[in-house]
Each structure stands twice: as structure tokens, then as C-alpha cells.
Amino acid sequence: MRKIEAMIPPESLGNVSEALLQAKISAFRASDVTLFDAGNPKGRYRGAEYAVGRELVKLELVLPDQEVESAVEAIRLGIEDAREGAEVLVAPVFDSIHLSPSRRKPIR
């Protein structure tokens, strides 16, 4: 199993989710995040300088190995019209467990 984390522009979320559905991937998490790095502009408020973050959406998917390439391709297709690119990280997952008060079971 692999975990995919993709940082995409917010305006691409609809296109990416449609592309993932077409690739038969229907479950993922989406979170609003802010990216702060040296390349971001600085803002000023009442004489004080502050960092301006870039708003992004972080998608998280945990998939079997054979579905990873189609998911990454779906994300690429979904951001084609975006003015900014995306960052996609793929990492191995050694165990995936659903916890509840009464039991513990593997997710897949």
C-alpha cells in the first residue's frame, strides 16, 4: 500500500475529484492548508512585516500499489488548467488500521 499526498491549487479540487472518480478512486481526504516558504511575498500591516502564505488543498489517499499510477495521472489531469502546479508525494504504508472503541480491524 502507498499513501499519496498532493498539494493542489484550491480551484483544481473539483477537476481533480472528477478525474479520481473516473479512475475508480472514490475515497480521499481534502484539507485546506497554507504554504509558507521563502518565495512567498511579504505583507505589511500597521508597519509590521509578516509572511503571506499560499492557500492550497492537501489531498490524502491510501491505495494499493497497483492503483498509485492511475491516481497520480488523475491528479495531473485534474490540474491541467490550473495556473500553478502541484506537489505529489508517494510513501509506503506498512499498516492501515481502523480503530473503534470495541475493535481493531485492517482497512484493506
C-alpha atoms as a PDB file:
ATOM      1  CA  MET A   1       0.000   0.000   0.000  1.00  0.00           C
ATOM      2  CA  ARG A   2       1.029   3.582  -0.621  1.00  0.00           C
ATOM      3  CA  LYS A   3      -0.005   6.955   0.733  1.00  0.00           C
ATOM      4  CA  ILE A   4      -0.321   9.815  -1.737  1.00  0.00           C
ATOM      5  CA  GLU A   5      -0.245  13.411  -0.510  1.00  0.00           C
ATOM      6  CA  ALA A   6      -0.942  16.016  -3.164  1.00  0.00           C
ATOM      7  CA  MET A   7      -0.835  19.778  -2.649  1.00  0.00           C
ATOM      8  CA  ILE A   8      -3.058  21.325  -5.312  1.00  0.00           C
ATOM      9  CA  PRO A   9      -4.482  24.788  -6.000  1.00  0.00           C
ATOM     10  CA  PRO A  10      -7.966  25.180  -4.455  1.00  0.00           C
ATOM     11  CA  GLU A  11      -9.595  25.926  -7.813  1.00  0.00           C
ATOM     12  CA  SER A  12      -8.491  22.484  -9.077  1.00  0.00           C
ATOM     13  CA  LEU A  13     -10.253  20.426  -6.391  1.00  0.00           C
ATOM     14  CA  GLY A  14     -13.399  19.853  -8.470  1.00  0.00           C
ATOM     15  CA  ASN A  15     -11.459  18.769 -11.562  1.00  0.00           C
ATOM     16  CA  VAL A  16      -9.146  16.509  -9.554  1.00  0.00           C
ATOM     17  CA  SER A  17     -12.013  14.822  -7.703  1.00  0.00           C
ATOM     18  CA  GLU A  18     -13.807  14.183 -11.029  1.00  0.00           C
ATOM     19  CA  ALA A  19     -10.621  12.732 -12.517  1.00  0.00           C
ATOM     20  CA  LEU A  20     -10.136  10.495  -9.461  1.00  0.00           C
ATOM     21  CA  LEU A  21     -13.740   9.265  -9.755  1.00  0.00           C
ATOM     22  CA  GLN A  22     -13.152   8.433 -13.429  1.00  0.00           C
ATOM     23  CA  ALA A  23     -10.092   6.436 -12.311  1.00  0.00           C
ATOM     24  CA  LYS A  24     -12.400   4.483  -9.931  1.00  0.00           C
ATOM     25  CA  ILE A  25     -10.895   6.138  -6.815  1.00  0.00           C
ATOM     26  CA  SER A  26     -13.718   7.451  -4.674  1.00  0.00           C
ATOM     27  CA  ALA A  27     -12.250   7.888  -1.179  1.00  0.00           C
ATOM     28  CA  PHE A  28      -9.780  10.616  -0.251  1.00  0.00           C
ATOM     29  CA  ARG A  29      -9.328  13.337   2.347  1.00  0.00           C
ATOM     30  CA  ALA A  30      -9.079  17.018   1.457  1.00  0.00           C
ATOM     31  CA  SER A  31      -7.755  19.682   3.854  1.00  0.00           C
ATOM     32  CA  ASP A  32      -7.159  23.402   3.472  1.00  0.00           C
ATOM     33  CA  VAL A  33      -3.505  24.197   4.155  1.00  0.00           C
ATOM     34  CA  THR A  34      -1.254  27.240   3.896  1.00  0.00           C
ATOM     35  CA  LEU A  35       2.260  27.007   2.492  1.00  0.00           C
ATOM     36  CA  PHE A  36       4.881  29.356   3.914  1.00  0.00           C
ATOM     37  CA  ASP A  37       8.261  29.491   2.183  1.00  0.00           C
ATOM     38  CA  ALA A  38      10.957  31.977   1.263  1.00  0.00           C
ATOM     39  CA  GLY A  39       9.442  32.523  -2.188  1.00  0.00           C
ATOM     40  CA  ASN A  40       6.171  33.910  -0.821  1.00  0.00           C
ATOM     41  CA  PRO A  41       5.716  37.685  -0.733  1.00  0.00           C
ATOM     42  CA  LYS A  42       5.902  39.648   2.485  1.00  0.00           C
ATOM     43  CA  GLY A  43       2.972  41.754   3.636  1.00  0.00           C
ATOM     44  CA  ARG A  44       2.816  44.856   5.797  1.00  0.00           C
ATOM     45  CA  TYR A  45       0.169  45.682   8.374  1.00  0.00           C
ATOM     46  CA  ARG A  46       0.445  48.735  10.612  1.00  0.00           C
ATOM     47  CA  GLY A  47       4.141  48.994   9.933  1.00  0.00           C
ATOM     48  CA  ALA A  48       4.963  45.363  10.766  1.00  0.00           C
ATOM     49  CA  GLU A  49       6.100  42.916   8.129  1.00  0.00           C
ATOM     50  CA  TYR A  50       4.516  39.453   8.033  1.00  0.00           C
ATOM     51  CA  ALA A  51       4.721  36.359   5.864  1.00  0.00           C
ATOM     52  CA  VAL A  52       1.963  35.792   3.337  1.00  0.00           C
ATOM     53  CA  GLY A  53       1.091  32.139   2.851  1.00  0.00           C
ATOM     54  CA  ARG A  54      -0.123  30.429  -0.301  1.00  0.00           C
ATOM     55  CA  GLU A  55      -3.505  28.720   0.094  1.00  0.00           C
ATOM     56  CA  LEU A  56      -3.574  25.106  -1.109  1.00  0.00           C
ATOM     57  CA  VAL A  57      -5.661  21.962  -0.726  1.00  0.00           C
ATOM     58  CA  LYS A  58      -3.931  18.818   0.540  1.00  0.00           C
ATOM     59  CA  LEU A  59      -5.341  15.531  -0.738  1.00  0.00           C
ATOM     60  CA  GLU A  60      -4.523  12.315   1.101  1.00  0.00           C
ATOM     61  CA  LEU A  61      -5.149   8.865  -0.367  1.00  0.00           C
ATOM     62  CA  VAL A  62      -4.103   5.404   0.802  1.00  0.00           C
ATOM     63  CA  LEU A  63      -4.206   2.960  -2.090  1.00  0.00           C
ATOM     64  CA  PRO A  64      -2.981  -0.476  -3.149  1.00  0.00           C
ATOM     65  CA  ASP A  65       0.273  -0.324  -5.133  1.00  0.00           C
ATOM     66  CA  GLN A  66      -1.430  -1.111  -8.448  1.00  0.00           C
ATOM     67  CA  GLU A  67      -3.708   1.997  -8.200  1.00  0.00           C
ATOM     68  CA  VAL A  68      -0.980   4.550  -7.474  1.00  0.00           C
ATOM     69  CA  GLU A  69      -0.031   5.375 -11.081  1.00  0.00           C
ATOM     70  CA  SER A  70      -3.647   5.910 -12.131  1.00  0.00           C
ATOM     71  CA  ALA A  71      -4.232   8.174  -9.107  1.00  0.00           C
ATOM     72  CA  VAL A  72      -1.152  10.308  -9.841  1.00  0.00           C
ATOM     73  CA  GLU A  73      -2.190  10.554 -13.505  1.00  0.00           C
ATOM     74  CA  ALA A  74      -5.728  11.580 -12.455  1.00  0.00           C
ATOM     75  CA  ILE A  75      -4.290  14.333 -10.241  1.00  0.00           C
ATOM     76  CA  ARG A  76      -2.105  15.516 -13.149  1.00  0.00           C
ATOM     77  CA  LEU A  77      -5.114  15.626 -15.479  1.00  0.00           C
ATOM     78  CA  GLY A  78      -7.176  17.476 -12.877  1.00  0.00           C
ATOM     79  CA  ILE A  79      -4.685  20.322 -12.512  1.00  0.00           C
ATOM     80  CA  GLU A  80      -4.020  20.792 -16.247  1.00  0.00           C
ATOM     81  CA  ASP A  81      -5.979  24.058 -16.363  1.00  0.00           C
ATOM     82  CA  ALA A  82      -4.542  25.453 -13.117  1.00  0.00           C
ATOM     83  CA  ARG A  83      -2.182  28.405 -13.180  1.00  0.00           C
ATOM     84  CA  GLU A  84       0.033  26.681 -10.609  1.00  0.00           C
ATOM     85  CA  GLY A  85       1.375  23.154 -10.444  1.00  0.00           C
ATOM     86  CA  ALA A  86       1.010  20.563  -7.727  1.00  0.00           C
ATOM     87  CA  GLU A  87       3.365  18.661  -5.479  1.00  0.00           C
ATOM     88  CA  VAL A  88       2.706  14.939  -5.131  1.00  0.00           C
ATOM     89  CA  LEU A  89       4.402  12.746  -2.527  1.00  0.00           C
ATOM     90  CA  VAL A  90       4.146   8.951  -2.543  1.00  0.00           C
ATOM     91  CA  ALA A  91       5.225   6.978   0.534  1.00  0.00           C
ATOM     92  CA  PRO A  92       4.924   3.334   1.568  1.00  0.00           C
ATOM     93  CA  VAL A  93       2.309   2.363   4.157  1.00  0.00           C
ATOM     94  CA  PHE A  94       3.169  -0.643   6.280  1.00  0.00           C
ATOM     95  CA  ASP A  95      -0.131  -0.965   8.109  1.00  0.00           C
ATOM     96  CA  SER A  96      -3.561   0.639   7.908  1.00  0.00           C
ATOM     97  CA  ILE A  97      -5.880   0.093  10.856  1.00  0.00           C
ATOM     98  CA  HIS A  98      -9.415   1.232  11.626  1.00  0.00           C
ATOM     99  CA  LEU A  99      -9.750   1.832  15.362  1.00  0.00           C
ATOM    100  CA  SER A 100     -13.020   1.972  17.248  1.00  0.00           C
ATOM    101  CA  PRO A 101     -13.788   1.564  20.953  1.00  0.00           C
ATOM    102  CA  SER A 102     -14.870  -2.047  20.505  1.00  0.00           C
ATOM    103  CA  ARG A 103     -12.474  -3.469  17.912  1.00  0.00           C
ATOM    104  CA  ARG A 104      -9.427  -3.091  15.687  1.00  0.00           C
ATOM    105  CA  LYS A 105      -9.516  -4.227  12.071  1.00  0.00           C
ATOM    106  CA  PRO A 106      -7.358  -3.767   8.946  1.00  0.00           C
ATOM    107  CA  ILE A 107      -8.779  -1.287   6.442  1.00  0.00           C
ATOM    108  CA  ARG A 108      -7.815  -3.287   3.323  1.00  0.00           C
END
